[in-house]
Amino acid sequence: MDFFNINEAKPGDEVFVIYRNPHVPSVANVKQAEIVQHPKDPNSLALFLNETLHVIEDDDALFPSLEAAQRAYDENYFDFEAE
């Protein structure tokens, strides 16, 4: 898979993530997000997604393009409507 290299990230970088809806756990979508400076830690970065800041975790999968994120989504998420 084609992942975004977080070690090369800088504020303003655009990334794509597979975001699971916190209210409906069976729903996930590919979303665009932005790398931003963490507001409380000037040595850290955060993810601005859905008008909210998210701490970037080691196991977060960030993708450099919509196409890469969509491929990962298609390969890893079961289509419940296909059954």
PDB file of N, CA and C in Angstrom:
ATOM      1  N   MET A   1       0.837  -1.187   0.000  1.00  0.00           N
ATOM      2  CA  MET A   1       0.000   0.000   0.000  1.00  0.00           C
ATOM      3  C   MET A   1       0.876   1.242   0.000  1.00  0.00           C
ATOM      4  N   ASP A   2       0.335   2.270  -0.530  1.00  0.00           N
ATOM      5  CA  ASP A   2       1.040   3.540  -0.661  1.00  0.00           C
ATOM      6  C   ASP A   2       0.653   4.451   0.504  1.00  0.00           C
ATOM      7  N   PHE A   3       1.490   4.483   1.559  1.00  0.00           N
ATOM      8  CA  PHE A   3       1.199   5.295   2.736  1.00  0.00           C
ATOM      9  C   PHE A   3       1.927   6.636   2.663  1.00  0.00           C
ATOM     10  N   PHE A   4       1.369   7.627   3.328  1.00  0.00           N
ATOM     11  CA  PHE A   4       2.007   8.928   3.490  1.00  0.00           C
ATOM     12  C   PHE A   4       3.091   8.780   4.549  1.00  0.00           C
ATOM     13  N   ASN A   5       4.284   9.287   4.273  1.00  0.00           N
ATOM     14  CA  ASN A   5       5.393   9.190   5.221  1.00  0.00           C
ATOM     15  C   ASN A   5       5.274  10.309   6.254  1.00  0.00           C
ATOM     16  N   ILE A   6       4.830   9.967   7.444  1.00  0.00           N
ATOM     17  CA  ILE A   6       4.608  10.963   8.494  1.00  0.00           C
ATOM     18  C   ILE A   6       5.913  11.622   8.928  1.00  0.00           C
ATOM     19  N   ASN A   7       7.033  10.945   8.746  1.00  0.00           N
ATOM     20  CA  ASN A   7       8.324  11.522   9.118  1.00  0.00           C
ATOM     21  C   ASN A   7       8.714  12.701   8.233  1.00  0.00           C
ATOM     22  N   GLU A   8       8.097  12.816   7.075  1.00  0.00           N
ATOM     23  CA  GLU A   8       8.365  13.924   6.164  1.00  0.00           C
ATOM     24  C   GLU A   8       7.236  14.954   6.170  1.00  0.00           C
ATOM     25  N   ALA A   9       6.283  14.783   7.058  1.00  0.00           N
ATOM     26  CA  ALA A   9       5.106  15.661   7.097  1.00  0.00           C
ATOM     27  C   ALA A   9       5.460  17.057   7.579  1.00  0.00           C
ATOM     28  N   LYS A  10       4.721  18.023   7.040  1.00  0.00           N
ATOM     29  CA  LYS A  10       4.849  19.411   7.487  1.00  0.00           C
ATOM     30  C   LYS A  10       3.466  20.040   7.472  1.00  0.00           C
ATOM     31  N   PRO A  11       3.258  21.061   8.291  1.00  0.00           N
ATOM     32  CA  PRO A  11       1.949  21.717   8.307  1.00  0.00           C
ATOM     33  C   PRO A  11       1.545  22.169   6.903  1.00  0.00           C
ATOM     34  N   GLY A  12       0.297  21.897   6.590  1.00  0.00           N
ATOM     35  CA  GLY A  12      -0.245  22.248   5.287  1.00  0.00           C
ATOM     36  C   GLY A  12      -0.337  21.081   4.326  1.00  0.00           C
ATOM     37  N   ASP A  13       0.324  19.964   4.655  1.00  0.00           N
ATOM     38  CA  ASP A  13       0.236  18.786   3.794  1.00  0.00           C
ATOM     39  C   ASP A  13      -1.187  18.241   3.801  1.00  0.00           C
ATOM     40  N   GLU A  14      -1.646  17.851   2.642  1.00  0.00           N
ATOM     41  CA  GLU A  14      -2.964  17.240   2.492  1.00  0.00           C
ATOM     42  C   GLU A  14      -2.781  15.729   2.497  1.00  0.00           C
ATOM     43  N   VAL A  15      -3.603  15.039   3.262  1.00  0.00           N
ATOM     44  CA  VAL A  15      -3.585  13.581   3.315  1.00  0.00           C
ATOM     45  C   VAL A  15      -5.018  13.067   3.234  1.00  0.00           C
ATOM     46  N   PHE A  16      -5.131  11.781   3.057  1.00  0.00           N
ATOM     47  CA  PHE A  16      -6.439  11.130   3.031  1.00  0.00           C
ATOM     48  C   PHE A  16      -6.421   9.993   4.033  1.00  0.00           C
ATOM     49  N   VAL A  17      -7.543   9.797   4.704  1.00  0.00           N
ATOM     50  CA  VAL A  17      -7.660   8.762   5.727  1.00  0.00           C
ATOM     51  C   VAL A  17      -8.939   7.973   5.515  1.00  0.00           C
ATOM     52  N   ILE A  18      -8.954   6.771   6.060  1.00  0.00           N
ATOM     53  CA  ILE A  18     -10.201   6.006   6.115  1.00  0.00           C
ATOM     54  C   ILE A  18     -10.767   6.285   7.492  1.00  0.00           C
ATOM     55  N   TYR A  19     -11.890   6.970   7.525  1.00  0.00           N
ATOM     56  CA  TYR A  19     -12.468   7.458   8.772  1.00  0.00           C
ATOM     57  C   TYR A  19     -13.716   6.664   9.103  1.00  0.00           C
ATOM     58  N   ARG A  20     -13.704   6.049  10.263  1.00  0.00           N
ATOM     59  CA  ARG A  20     -14.873   5.291  10.718  1.00  0.00           C
ATOM     60  C   ARG A  20     -15.806   6.228  11.473  1.00  0.00           C
ATOM     61  N   ASN A  21     -17.069   6.199  11.122  1.00  0.00           N
ATOM     62  CA  ASN A  21     -18.081   7.031  11.760  1.00  0.00           C
ATOM     63  C   ASN A  21     -18.228   6.608  13.224  1.00  0.00           C
ATOM     64  N   PRO A  22     -17.970   7.516  14.174  1.00  0.00           N
ATOM     65  CA  PRO A  22     -18.045   7.130  15.586  1.00  0.00           C
ATOM     66  C   PRO A  22     -19.463   6.796  16.048  1.00  0.00           C
ATOM     67  N   HIS A  23     -20.477   7.237  15.312  1.00  0.00           N
ATOM     68  CA  HIS A  23     -21.869   6.982  15.705  1.00  0.00           C
ATOM     69  C   HIS A  23     -22.429   5.722  15.053  1.00  0.00           C
ATOM     70  N   VAL A  24     -21.825   5.312  13.943  1.00  0.00           N
ATOM     71  CA  VAL A  24     -22.259   4.115  13.224  1.00  0.00           C
ATOM     72  C   VAL A  24     -20.997   3.325  12.873  1.00  0.00           C
ATOM     73  N   PRO A  25     -20.532   2.452  13.761  1.00  0.00           N
ATOM     74  CA  PRO A  25     -19.243   1.778  13.579  1.00  0.00           C
ATOM     75  C   PRO A  25     -19.095   0.982  12.283  1.00  0.00           C
ATOM     76  N   SER A  26     -20.188   0.578  11.664  1.00  0.00           N
ATOM     77  CA  SER A  26     -20.086  -0.194  10.432  1.00  0.00           C
ATOM     78  C   SER A  26     -19.900   0.700   9.203  1.00  0.00           C
ATOM     79  N   VAL A  27     -19.862   2.015   9.388  1.00  0.00           N
ATOM     80  CA  VAL A  27     -19.722   2.940   8.267  1.00  0.00           C
ATOM     81  C   VAL A  27     -18.331   3.573   8.297  1.00  0.00           C
ATOM     82  N   ALA A  28     -17.631   3.474   7.173  1.00  0.00           N
ATOM     83  CA  ALA A  28     -16.320   4.107   7.031  1.00  0.00           C
ATOM     84  C   ALA A  28     -16.267   4.788   5.671  1.00  0.00           C
ATOM     85  N   ASN A  29     -15.552   5.901   5.605  1.00  0.00           N
ATOM     86  CA  ASN A  29     -15.423   6.656   4.366  1.00  0.00           C
ATOM     87  C   ASN A  29     -13.994   7.145   4.216  1.00  0.00           C
ATOM     88  N   VAL A  30     -13.608   7.421   2.990  1.00  0.00           N
ATOM     89  CA  VAL A  30     -12.331   8.075   2.735  1.00  0.00           C
ATOM     90  C   VAL A  30     -12.561   9.572   2.889  1.00  0.00           C
ATOM     91  N   LYS A  31     -11.726  10.208   3.708  1.00  0.00           N
ATOM     92  CA  LYS A  31     -11.868  11.642   3.981  1.00  0.00           C
ATOM     93  C   LYS A  31     -10.548  12.364   3.747  1.00  0.00           C
ATOM     94  N   GLN A  32     -10.649  13.595   3.294  1.00  0.00           N
ATOM     95  CA  GLN A  32      -9.486  14.455   3.149  1.00  0.00           C
ATOM     96  C   GLN A  32      -9.195  15.119   4.493  1.00  0.00           C
ATOM     97  N   ALA A  33      -7.918  15.255   4.830  1.00  0.00           N
ATOM     98  CA  ALA A  33      -7.513  15.898   6.075  1.00  0.00           C
ATOM     99  C   ALA A  33      -6.260  16.721   5.814  1.00  0.00           C
ATOM    100  N   GLU A  34      -5.898  17.534   6.783  1.00  0.00           N
ATOM    101  CA  GLU A  34      -4.714  18.372   6.651  1.00  0.00           C
ATOM    102  C   GLU A  34      -3.804  18.175   7.860  1.00  0.00           C
ATOM    103  N   ILE A  35      -2.509  18.123   7.611  1.00  0.00           N
ATOM    104  CA  ILE A  35      -1.527  18.084   8.682  1.00  0.00           C
ATOM    105  C   ILE A  35      -1.369  19.514   9.201  1.00  0.00           C
ATOM    106  N   VAL A  36      -1.492  19.682  10.520  1.00  0.00           N
ATOM    107  CA  VAL A  36      -1.369  21.011  11.133  1.00  0.00           C
ATOM    108  C   VAL A  36      -0.438  20.931  12.342  1.00  0.00           C
ATOM    109  N   GLN A  37       0.034  22.080  12.784  1.00  0.00           N
ATOM    110  CA  GLN A  37       0.836  22.152  14.008  1.00  0.00           C
ATOM    111  C   GLN A  37      -0.068  21.847  15.196  1.00  0.00           C
ATOM    112  N   HIS A  38       0.377  20.996  16.080  1.00  0.00           N
ATOM    113  CA  HIS A  38      -0.407  20.681  17.275  1.00  0.00           C
ATOM    114  C   HIS A  38      -0.507  21.959  18.118  1.00  0.00           C
ATOM    115  N   PRO A  39      -1.702  22.378  18.517  1.00  0.00           N
ATOM    116  CA  PRO A  39      -1.851  23.654  19.220  1.00  0.00           C
ATOM    117  C   PRO A  39      -1.230  23.705  20.617  1.00  0.00           C
ATOM    118  N   LYS A  40      -1.046  22.554  21.255  1.00  0.00           N
ATOM    119  CA  LYS A  40      -0.505  22.545  22.616  1.00  0.00           C
ATOM    120  C   LYS A  40       0.927  22.031  22.688  1.00  0.00           C
ATOM    121  N   ASP A  41       1.430  21.487  21.588  1.00  0.00           N
ATOM    122  CA  ASP A  41       2.784  20.956  21.562  1.00  0.00           C
ATOM    123  C   ASP A  41       3.463  21.400  20.272  1.00  0.00           C
ATOM    124  N   PRO A  42       4.295  22.440  20.339  1.00  0.00           N
ATOM    125  CA  PRO A  42       4.914  22.969  19.127  1.00  0.00           C
ATOM    126  C   PRO A  42       5.863  22.000  18.432  1.00  0.00           C
ATOM    127  N   ASN A  43       6.224  20.899  19.095  1.00  0.00           N
ATOM    128  CA  ASN A  43       7.097  19.903  18.483  1.00  0.00           C
ATOM    129  C   ASN A  43       6.332  18.751  17.841  1.00  0.00           C
ATOM    130  N   SER A  44       5.005  18.839  17.830  1.00  0.00           N
ATOM    131  CA  SER A  44       4.174  17.765  17.291  1.00  0.00           C
ATOM    132  C   SER A  44       3.239  18.281  16.217  1.00  0.00           C
ATOM    133  N   LEU A  45       2.776  17.337  15.428  1.00  0.00           N
ATOM    134  CA  LEU A  45       1.780  17.635  14.405  1.00  0.00           C
ATOM    135  C   LEU A  45       0.462  16.978  14.790  1.00  0.00           C
ATOM    136  N   ALA A  46      -0.609  17.453  14.190  1.00  0.00           N
ATOM    137  CA  ALA A  46      -1.938  16.884  14.405  1.00  0.00           C
ATOM    138  C   ALA A  46      -2.628  16.780  13.051  1.00  0.00           C
ATOM    139  N   LEU A  47      -3.759  16.147  13.060  1.00  0.00           N
ATOM    140  CA  LEU A  47      -4.557  15.966  11.856  1.00  0.00           C
ATOM    141  C   LEU A  47      -5.841  16.772  12.014  1.00  0.00           C
ATOM    142  N   PHE A  48      -6.132  17.630  11.046  1.00  0.00           N
ATOM    143  CA  PHE A  48      -7.370  18.403  11.068  1.00  0.00           C
ATOM    144  C   PHE A  48      -8.349  17.701  10.144  1.00  0.00           C
ATOM    145  N   LEU A  49      -9.366  17.105  10.736  1.00  0.00           N
ATOM    146  CA  LEU A  49     -10.321  16.271  10.020  1.00  0.00           C
ATOM    147  C   LEU A  49     -11.715  16.543  10.553  1.00  0.00           C
ATOM    148  N   ASN A  50     -12.651  16.801   9.666  1.00  0.00           N
ATOM    149  CA  ASN A  50     -14.034  17.072  10.067  1.00  0.00           C
ATOM    150  C   ASN A  50     -14.114  18.207  11.082  1.00  0.00           C
ATOM    151  N   GLU A  51     -13.349  19.263  10.838  1.00  0.00           N
ATOM    152  CA  GLU A  51     -13.350  20.456  11.691  1.00  0.00           C
ATOM    153  C   GLU A  51     -12.885  20.157  13.119  1.00  0.00           C
ATOM    154  N   THR A  52     -12.099  19.076  13.288  1.00  0.00           N
ATOM    155  CA  THR A  52     -11.617  18.675  14.600  1.00  0.00           C
ATOM    156  C   THR A  52     -10.144  18.301  14.514  1.00  0.00           C
ATOM    157  N   LEU A  53      -9.392  18.613  15.562  1.00  0.00           N
ATOM    158  CA  LEU A  53      -7.991  18.198  15.628  1.00  0.00           C
ATOM    159  C   LEU A  53      -7.902  16.786  16.195  1.00  0.00           C
ATOM    160  N   HIS A  54      -7.062  15.970  15.587  1.00  0.00           N
ATOM    161  CA  HIS A  54      -6.834  14.605  16.044  1.00  0.00           C
ATOM    162  C   HIS A  54      -5.336  14.419  16.224  1.00  0.00           C
ATOM    163  N   VAL A  55      -4.937  13.846  17.337  1.00  0.00           N
ATOM    164  CA  VAL A  55      -3.544  13.501  17.544  1.00  0.00           C
ATOM    165  C   VAL A  55      -3.196  12.390  16.554  1.00  0.00           C
ATOM    166  N   ILE A  56      -2.058  12.506  15.905  1.00  0.00           N
ATOM    167  CA  ILE A  56      -1.625  11.465  14.971  1.00  0.00           C
ATOM    168  C   ILE A  56      -0.988  10.344  15.775  1.00  0.00           C
ATOM    169  N   GLU A  57      -1.559   9.167  15.657  1.00  0.00           N
ATOM    170  CA  GLU A  57      -1.079   7.988  16.379  1.00  0.00           C
ATOM    171  C   GLU A  57      -0.156   7.168  15.471  1.00  0.00           C
ATOM    172  N   ASP A  58       0.689   6.346  16.075  1.00  0.00           N
ATOM    173  CA  ASP A  58       1.621   5.518  15.308  1.00  0.00           C
ATOM    174  C   ASP A  58       0.917   4.560  14.349  1.00  0.00           C
ATOM    175  N   ASP A  59      -0.274   4.113  14.709  1.00  0.00           N
ATOM    176  CA  ASP A  59      -0.967   3.143  13.869  1.00  0.00           C
ATOM    177  C   ASP A  59      -1.978   3.772  12.906  1.00  0.00           C
ATOM    178  N   ASP A  60      -1.997   5.097  12.808  1.00  0.00           N
ATOM    179  CA  ASP A  60      -2.878   5.758  11.840  1.00  0.00           C
ATOM    180  C   ASP A  60      -2.377   5.504  10.421  1.00  0.00           C
ATOM    181  N   ALA A  61      -3.279   5.211   9.525  1.00  0.00           N
ATOM    182  CA  ALA A  61      -2.938   5.013   8.121  1.00  0.00           C
ATOM    183  C   ALA A  61      -3.300   6.283   7.366  1.00  0.00           C
ATOM    184  N   LEU A  62      -2.285   7.011   6.949  1.00  0.00           N
ATOM    185  CA  LEU A  62      -2.471   8.234   6.179  1.00  0.00           C
ATOM    186  C   LEU A  62      -2.010   7.967   4.755  1.00  0.00           C
ATOM    187  N   PHE A  63      -2.758   8.464   3.797  1.00  0.00           N
ATOM    188  CA  PHE A  63      -2.458   8.197   2.394  1.00  0.00           C
ATOM    189  C   PHE A  63      -2.176   9.500   1.662  1.00  0.00           C
ATOM    190  N   PRO A  64      -1.252   9.460   0.686  1.00  0.00           N
ATOM    191  CA  PRO A  64      -0.878  10.682  -0.020  1.00  0.00           C
ATOM    192  C   PRO A  64      -1.873  11.129  -1.081  1.00  0.00           C
ATOM    193  N   SER A  65      -2.784  10.230  -1.468  1.00  0.00           N
ATOM    194  CA  SER A  65      -3.739  10.585  -2.522  1.00  0.00           C
ATOM    195  C   SER A  65      -5.087   9.920  -2.266  1.00  0.00           C
ATOM    196  N   LEU A  66      -6.098  10.478  -2.871  1.00  0.00           N
ATOM    197  CA  LEU A  66      -7.434   9.898  -2.787  1.00  0.00           C
ATOM    198  C   LEU A  66      -7.427   8.486  -3.381  1.00  0.00           C
ATOM    199  N   GLU A  67      -6.723   8.313  -4.471  1.00  0.00           N
ATOM    200  CA  GLU A  67      -6.676   7.014  -5.143  1.00  0.00           C
ATOM    201  C   GLU A  67      -6.050   5.947  -4.242  1.00  0.00           C
ATOM    202  N   ALA A  68      -4.956   6.288  -3.555  1.00  0.00           N
ATOM    203  CA  ALA A  68      -4.297   5.332  -2.655  1.00  0.00           C
ATOM    204  C   ALA A  68      -5.220   4.963  -1.502  1.00  0.00           C
ATOM    205  N   ALA A  69      -5.900   5.934  -0.934  1.00  0.00           N
ATOM    206  CA  ALA A  69      -6.829   5.671   0.166  1.00  0.00           C
ATOM    207  C   ALA A  69      -8.007   4.827  -0.308  1.00  0.00           C
ATOM    208  N   GLN A  70      -8.501   5.114  -1.499  1.00  0.00           N
ATOM    209  CA  GLN A  70      -9.637   4.362  -2.032  1.00  0.00           C
ATOM    210  C   GLN A  70      -9.253   2.911  -2.304  1.00  0.00           C
ATOM    211  N   ARG A  71      -8.038   2.694  -2.817  1.00  0.00           N
ATOM    212  CA  ARG A  71      -7.558   1.327  -3.046  1.00  0.00           C
ATOM    213  C   ARG A  71      -7.483   0.552  -1.731  1.00  0.00           C
ATOM    214  N   ALA A  72      -6.928   1.193  -0.696  1.00  0.00           N
ATOM    215  CA  ALA A  72      -6.829   0.544   0.618  1.00  0.00           C
ATOM    216  C   ALA A  72      -8.224   0.238   1.162  1.00  0.00           C
ATOM    217  N   TYR A  73      -9.128   1.174   1.003  1.00  0.00           N
ATOM    218  CA  TYR A  73     -10.503   0.969   1.459  1.00  0.00           C
ATOM    219  C   TYR A  73     -11.125  -0.228   0.733  1.00  0.00           C
ATOM    220  N   ASP A  74     -10.991  -0.238  -0.597  1.00  0.00           N
ATOM    221  CA  ASP A  74     -11.585  -1.309  -1.403  1.00  0.00           C
ATOM    222  C   ASP A  74     -10.995  -2.677  -1.059  1.00  0.00           C
ATOM    223  N   GLU A  75      -9.705  -2.724  -0.719  1.00  0.00           N
ATOM    224  CA  GLU A  75      -9.038  -3.983  -0.403  1.00  0.00           C
ATOM    225  C   GLU A  75      -9.336  -4.488   1.009  1.00  0.00           C
ATOM    226  N   ASN A  76      -9.736  -3.586   1.909  1.00  0.00           N
ATOM    227  CA  ASN A  76      -9.830  -3.959   3.316  1.00  0.00           C
ATOM    228  C   ASN A  76     -11.210  -3.874   3.947  1.00  0.00           C
ATOM    229  N   TYR A  77     -12.175  -3.334   3.253  1.00  0.00           N
ATOM    230  CA  TYR A  77     -13.507  -3.212   3.853  1.00  0.00           C
ATOM    231  C   TYR A  77     -14.499  -4.035   3.078  1.00  0.00           C
ATOM    232  N   PHE A  78     -15.220  -4.863   3.798  1.00  0.00           N
ATOM    233  CA  PHE A  78     -16.231  -5.731   3.233  1.00  0.00           C
ATOM    234  C   PHE A  78     -17.443  -4.921   2.810  1.00  0.00           C
ATOM    235  N   ASP A  79     -17.972  -5.209   1.641  1.00  0.00           N
ATOM    236  CA  ASP A  79     -19.160  -4.513   1.144  1.00  0.00           C
ATOM    237  C   ASP A  79     -20.394  -5.291   1.604  1.00  0.00           C
ATOM    238  N   PHE A  80     -21.065  -4.798   2.647  1.00  0.00           N
ATOM    239  CA  PHE A  80     -22.218  -5.491   3.227  1.00  0.00           C
ATOM    240  C   PHE A  80     -23.391  -5.574   2.258  1.00  0.00           C
ATOM    241  N   GLU A  81     -23.474  -4.661   1.322  1.00  0.00           N
ATOM    242  CA  GLU A  81     -24.600  -4.662   0.384  1.00  0.00           C
ATOM    243  C   GLU A  81     -24.423  -5.700  -0.715  1.00  0.00           C
ATOM    244  N   ALA A  82     -23.241  -6.271  -0.876  1.00  0.00           N
ATOM    245  CA  ALA A  82     -22.991  -7.242  -1.919  1.00  0.00           C
ATOM    246  C   ALA A  82     -23.593  -8.609  -1.593  1.00  0.00           C
ATOM    247  N   GLU A  83     -23.875  -8.854  -0.352  1.00  0.00           N
ATOM    248  CA  GLU A  83     -24.423 -10.158   0.069  1.00  0.00           C
ATOM    249  C   GLU A  83     -25.917 -10.209  -0.129  1.00  0.00           C
TER     250      GLU A  83
END
